[in-house]
Structures are given as structure tokens and as C-alpha cells.
Amino acid sequence: MEIFVARQPLFNKMEEVYGYELLYRNNQNNEFPDVNEDKATADVIINSF
């Protein structure tokens, strides 16, 4: 299965990047698919390493 992981920056009050949120997609549409959250998290972790 092909998955896509996007990285969205998180900013502090000074508008400096202090971290990133990983976003899960299982196709090229830019929307969260109707999947179990635990499965999405596991797919991101497994495919990130």
C-alpha cells in the first residue's frame, strides 16, 4: 500500500517553528481518509523508519 506523509510546521508565539505535525494520507487527495486513527498512526510510524 502506498501512503503519503506530509510535514506541517508548528509555530510558537514568536512565529518560529518549534516542531512538526505529521499528516497521513493514503492517496494523492489532500484530505484525511476515513480510516482508523490507530492504523493511520501505525502506517506513519512504520513508513517513517
PDB file of N, CA and C in Angstrom:
ATOM      1  N   MET A   1       0.837  -1.174   0.000  1.00  0.00           N
ATOM      2  CA  MET A   1       0.000   0.000   0.000  1.00  0.00           C
ATOM      3  C   MET A   1       0.884   1.240   0.000  1.00  0.00           C
ATOM      4  N   GLU A   2       0.535   2.198  -0.810  1.00  0.00           N
ATOM      5  CA  GLU A   2       1.273   3.446  -0.879  1.00  0.00           C
ATOM      6  C   GLU A   2       0.651   4.454   0.083  1.00  0.00           C
ATOM      7  N   ILE A   3       1.495   5.102   0.882  1.00  0.00           N
ATOM      8  CA  ILE A   3       0.995   6.156   1.770  1.00  0.00           C
ATOM      9  C   ILE A   3       1.826   7.414   1.566  1.00  0.00           C
ATOM     10  N   PHE A   4       1.264   8.528   1.953  1.00  0.00           N
ATOM     11  CA  PHE A   4       1.941   9.808   1.865  1.00  0.00           C
ATOM     12  C   PHE A   4       1.967  10.422   3.257  1.00  0.00           C
ATOM     13  N   VAL A   5       3.088  10.989   3.617  1.00  0.00           N
ATOM     14  CA  VAL A   5       3.218  11.659   4.902  1.00  0.00           C
ATOM     15  C   VAL A   5       3.655  13.094   4.619  1.00  0.00           C
ATOM     16  N   ALA A   6       2.874  14.039   5.125  1.00  0.00           N
ATOM     17  CA  ALA A   6       3.220  15.451   4.982  1.00  0.00           C
ATOM     18  C   ALA A   6       3.683  15.980   6.323  1.00  0.00           C
ATOM     19  N   ARG A   7       4.482  17.007   6.279  1.00  0.00           N
ATOM     20  CA  ARG A   7       5.010  17.611   7.492  1.00  0.00           C
ATOM     21  C   ARG A   7       4.465  19.034   7.576  1.00  0.00           C
ATOM     22  N   GLN A   8       3.719  19.310   8.629  1.00  0.00           N
ATOM     23  CA  GLN A   8       3.128  20.636   8.828  1.00  0.00           C
ATOM     24  C   GLN A   8       3.828  21.314   9.998  1.00  0.00           C
ATOM     25  N   PRO A   9       4.362  22.528   9.784  1.00  0.00           N
ATOM     26  CA  PRO A   9       5.092  23.183  10.872  1.00  0.00           C
ATOM     27  C   PRO A   9       4.172  23.659  11.990  1.00  0.00           C
ATOM     28  N   LEU A  10       4.697  23.639  13.213  1.00  0.00           N
ATOM     29  CA  LEU A  10       4.021  24.189  14.380  1.00  0.00           C
ATOM     30  C   LEU A  10       4.826  25.401  14.821  1.00  0.00           C
ATOM     31  N   PHE A  11       4.139  26.518  15.082  1.00  0.00           N
ATOM     32  CA  PHE A  11       4.806  27.767  15.403  1.00  0.00           C
ATOM     33  C   PHE A  11       4.548  28.178  16.849  1.00  0.00           C
ATOM     34  N   ASN A  12       5.509  28.891  17.431  1.00  0.00           N
ATOM     35  CA  ASN A  12       5.310  29.456  18.758  1.00  0.00           C
ATOM     36  C   ASN A  12       4.759  30.879  18.610  1.00  0.00           C
ATOM     37  N   LYS A  13       4.622  31.607  19.706  1.00  0.00           N
ATOM     38  CA  LYS A  13       4.051  32.961  19.657  1.00  0.00           C
ATOM     39  C   LYS A  13       4.923  33.942  18.882  1.00  0.00           C
ATOM     40  N   MET A  14       6.202  33.621  18.774  1.00  0.00           N
ATOM     41  CA  MET A  14       7.131  34.479  18.026  1.00  0.00           C
ATOM     42  C   MET A  14       7.174  34.107  16.538  1.00  0.00           C
ATOM     43  N   GLU A  15       6.274  33.209  16.127  1.00  0.00           N
ATOM     44  CA  GLU A  15       6.173  32.711  14.755  1.00  0.00           C
ATOM     45  C   GLU A  15       7.441  31.977  14.308  1.00  0.00           C
ATOM     46  N   GLU A  16       8.096  31.312  15.268  1.00  0.00           N
ATOM     47  CA  GLU A  16       9.244  30.470  14.965  1.00  0.00           C
ATOM     48  C   GLU A  16       8.791  29.018  14.981  1.00  0.00           C
ATOM     49  N   VAL A  17       9.310  28.222  14.057  1.00  0.00           N
ATOM     50  CA  VAL A  17       8.964  26.802  14.014  1.00  0.00           C
ATOM     51  C   VAL A  17       9.578  26.116  15.224  1.00  0.00           C
ATOM     52  N   TYR A  18       8.739  25.394  15.984  1.00  0.00           N
ATOM     53  CA  TYR A  18       9.270  24.652  17.133  1.00  0.00           C
ATOM     54  C   TYR A  18       8.994  23.163  17.034  1.00  0.00           C
ATOM     55  N   GLY A  19       8.358  22.731  15.971  1.00  0.00           N
ATOM     56  CA  GLY A  19       8.092  21.313  15.779  1.00  0.00           C
ATOM     57  C   GLY A  19       7.281  21.101  14.512  1.00  0.00           C
ATOM     58  N   TYR A  20       6.979  19.851  14.250  1.00  0.00           N
ATOM     59  CA  TYR A  20       6.199  19.487  13.073  1.00  0.00           C
ATOM     60  C   TYR A  20       5.146  18.455  13.443  1.00  0.00           C
ATOM     61  N   GLU A  21       4.027  18.530  12.777  1.00  0.00           N
ATOM     62  CA  GLU A  21       2.971  17.528  12.883  1.00  0.00           C
ATOM     63  C   GLU A  21       3.033  16.688  11.611  1.00  0.00           C
ATOM     64  N   LEU A  22       3.021  15.369  11.760  1.00  0.00           N
ATOM     65  CA  LEU A  22       2.993  14.503  10.582  1.00  0.00           C
ATOM     66  C   LEU A  22       1.552  14.251  10.190  1.00  0.00           C
ATOM     67  N   LEU A  23       1.247  14.439   8.913  1.00  0.00           N
ATOM     68  CA  LEU A  23      -0.103  14.251   8.395  1.00  0.00           C
ATOM     69  C   LEU A  23      -0.123  13.011   7.509  1.00  0.00           C
ATOM     70  N   TYR A  24      -1.119  12.174   7.703  1.00  0.00           N
ATOM     71  CA  TYR A  24      -1.237  10.894   6.994  1.00  0.00           C
ATOM     72  C   TYR A  24      -2.210  11.029   5.830  1.00  0.00           C
ATOM     73  N   ARG A  25      -1.825  10.504   4.687  1.00  0.00           N
ATOM     74  CA  ARG A  25      -2.713  10.387   3.532  1.00  0.00           C
ATOM     75  C   ARG A  25      -2.444   9.028   2.904  1.00  0.00           C
ATOM     76  N   ASN A  26      -3.512   8.367   2.443  1.00  0.00           N
ATOM     77  CA  ASN A  26      -3.291   7.081   1.783  1.00  0.00           C
ATOM     78  C   ASN A  26      -3.509   7.168   0.276  1.00  0.00           C
ATOM     79  N   ASN A  27      -3.632   8.390  -0.244  1.00  0.00           N
ATOM     80  CA  ASN A  27      -3.715   8.620  -1.685  1.00  0.00           C
ATOM     81  C   ASN A  27      -3.275  10.057  -1.954  1.00  0.00           C
ATOM     82  N   GLN A  28      -3.363  10.495  -3.196  1.00  0.00           N
ATOM     83  CA  GLN A  28      -2.858  11.828  -3.537  1.00  0.00           C
ATOM     84  C   GLN A  28      -3.860  12.939  -3.256  1.00  0.00           C
ATOM     85  N   ASN A  29      -5.052  12.620  -2.782  1.00  0.00           N
ATOM     86  CA  ASN A  29      -6.008  13.657  -2.396  1.00  0.00           C
ATOM     87  C   ASN A  29      -5.552  14.281  -1.079  1.00  0.00           C
ATOM     88  N   ASN A  30      -5.690  15.571  -0.956  1.00  0.00           N
ATOM     89  CA  ASN A  30      -5.236  16.248   0.256  1.00  0.00           C
ATOM     90  C   ASN A  30      -6.371  16.305   1.279  1.00  0.00           C
ATOM     91  N   GLU A  31      -6.772  15.137   1.748  1.00  0.00           N
ATOM     92  CA  GLU A  31      -7.817  15.042   2.766  1.00  0.00           C
ATOM     93  C   GLU A  31      -7.566  13.795   3.600  1.00  0.00           C
ATOM     94  N   PHE A  32      -7.972  13.864   4.879  1.00  0.00           N
ATOM     95  CA  PHE A  32      -7.768  12.700   5.743  1.00  0.00           C
ATOM     96  C   PHE A  32      -8.742  11.598   5.332  1.00  0.00           C
ATOM     97  N   PRO A  33      -8.249  10.406   5.060  1.00  0.00           N
ATOM     98  CA  PRO A  33      -9.125   9.310   4.648  1.00  0.00           C
ATOM     99  C   PRO A  33      -9.939   8.778   5.830  1.00  0.00           C
ATOM    100  N   ASP A  34     -11.014   8.138   5.540  1.00  0.00           N
ATOM    101  CA  ASP A  34     -11.878   7.544   6.564  1.00  0.00           C
ATOM    102  C   ASP A  34     -11.281   6.205   6.995  1.00  0.00           C
ATOM    103  N   VAL A  35     -10.248   6.291   7.850  1.00  0.00           N
ATOM    104  CA  VAL A  35      -9.579   5.095   8.368  1.00  0.00           C
ATOM    105  C   VAL A  35      -9.455   5.217   9.880  1.00  0.00           C
ATOM    106  N   ASN A  36      -9.208   4.109  10.509  1.00  0.00           N
ATOM    107  CA  ASN A  36      -8.995   4.075  11.950  1.00  0.00           C
ATOM    108  C   ASN A  36      -7.747   4.892  12.292  1.00  0.00           C
ATOM    109  N   GLU A  37      -7.851   5.752  13.310  1.00  0.00           N
ATOM    110  CA  GLU A  37      -6.732   6.617  13.680  1.00  0.00           C
ATOM    111  C   GLU A  37      -5.494   5.821  14.090  1.00  0.00           C
ATOM    112  N   ASP A  38      -5.694   4.704  14.774  1.00  0.00           N
ATOM    113  CA  ASP A  38      -4.564   3.870  15.198  1.00  0.00           C
ATOM    114  C   ASP A  38      -3.837   3.274  13.998  1.00  0.00           C
ATOM    115  N   LYS A  39      -4.595   2.854  12.984  1.00  0.00           N
ATOM    116  CA  LYS A  39      -3.980   2.316  11.772  1.00  0.00           C
ATOM    117  C   LYS A  39      -3.203   3.408  11.046  1.00  0.00           C
ATOM    118  N   ALA A  40      -3.760   4.604  10.967  1.00  0.00           N
ATOM    119  CA  ALA A  40      -3.064   5.716  10.310  1.00  0.00           C
ATOM    120  C   ALA A  40      -1.765   6.017  11.038  1.00  0.00           C
ATOM    121  N   THR A  41      -1.796   6.069  12.360  1.00  0.00           N
ATOM    122  CA  THR A  41      -0.596   6.343  13.150  1.00  0.00           C
ATOM    123  C   THR A  41       0.445   5.252  12.949  1.00  0.00           C
ATOM    124  N   ALA A  42       0.015   4.005  12.975  1.00  0.00           N
ATOM    125  CA  ALA A  42       0.943   2.892  12.770  1.00  0.00           C
ATOM    126  C   ALA A  42       1.572   2.962  11.383  1.00  0.00           C
ATOM    127  N   ASP A  43       0.789   3.268  10.351  1.00  0.00           N
ATOM    128  CA  ASP A  43       1.331   3.389   8.987  1.00  0.00           C
ATOM    129  C   ASP A  43       2.383   4.496   8.905  1.00  0.00           C
ATOM    130  N   VAL A  44       2.118   5.629   9.563  1.00  0.00           N
ATOM    131  CA  VAL A  44       3.085   6.730   9.546  1.00  0.00           C
ATOM    132  C   VAL A  44       4.375   6.310  10.215  1.00  0.00           C
ATOM    133  N   ILE A  45       4.276   5.686  11.385  1.00  0.00           N
ATOM    134  CA  ILE A  45       5.466   5.270  12.115  1.00  0.00           C
ATOM    135  C   ILE A  45       6.259   4.233  11.337  1.00  0.00           C
ATOM    136  N   ILE A  46       5.581   3.221  10.839  1.00  0.00           N
ATOM    137  CA  ILE A  46       6.256   2.142  10.104  1.00  0.00           C
ATOM    138  C   ILE A  46       6.935   2.678   8.850  1.00  0.00           C
ATOM    139  N   ASN A  47       6.278   3.559   8.115  1.00  0.00           N
ATOM    140  CA  ASN A  47       6.833   4.050   6.869  1.00  0.00           C
ATOM    141  C   ASN A  47       7.790   5.228   7.042  1.00  0.00           C
ATOM    142  N   SER A  48       7.934   5.726   8.263  1.00  0.00           N
ATOM    143  CA  SER A  48       8.877   6.805   8.536  1.00  0.00           C
ATOM    144  C   SER A  48      10.266   6.266   8.815  1.00  0.00           C
ATOM    145  N   PHE A  49      10.376   4.987   9.161  1.00  0.00           N
ATOM    146  CA  PHE A  49      11.674   4.428   9.514  1.00  0.00           C
ATOM    147  C   PHE A  49      12.161   3.538   8.455  1.00  0.00           C
TER     148      PHE A  49
END
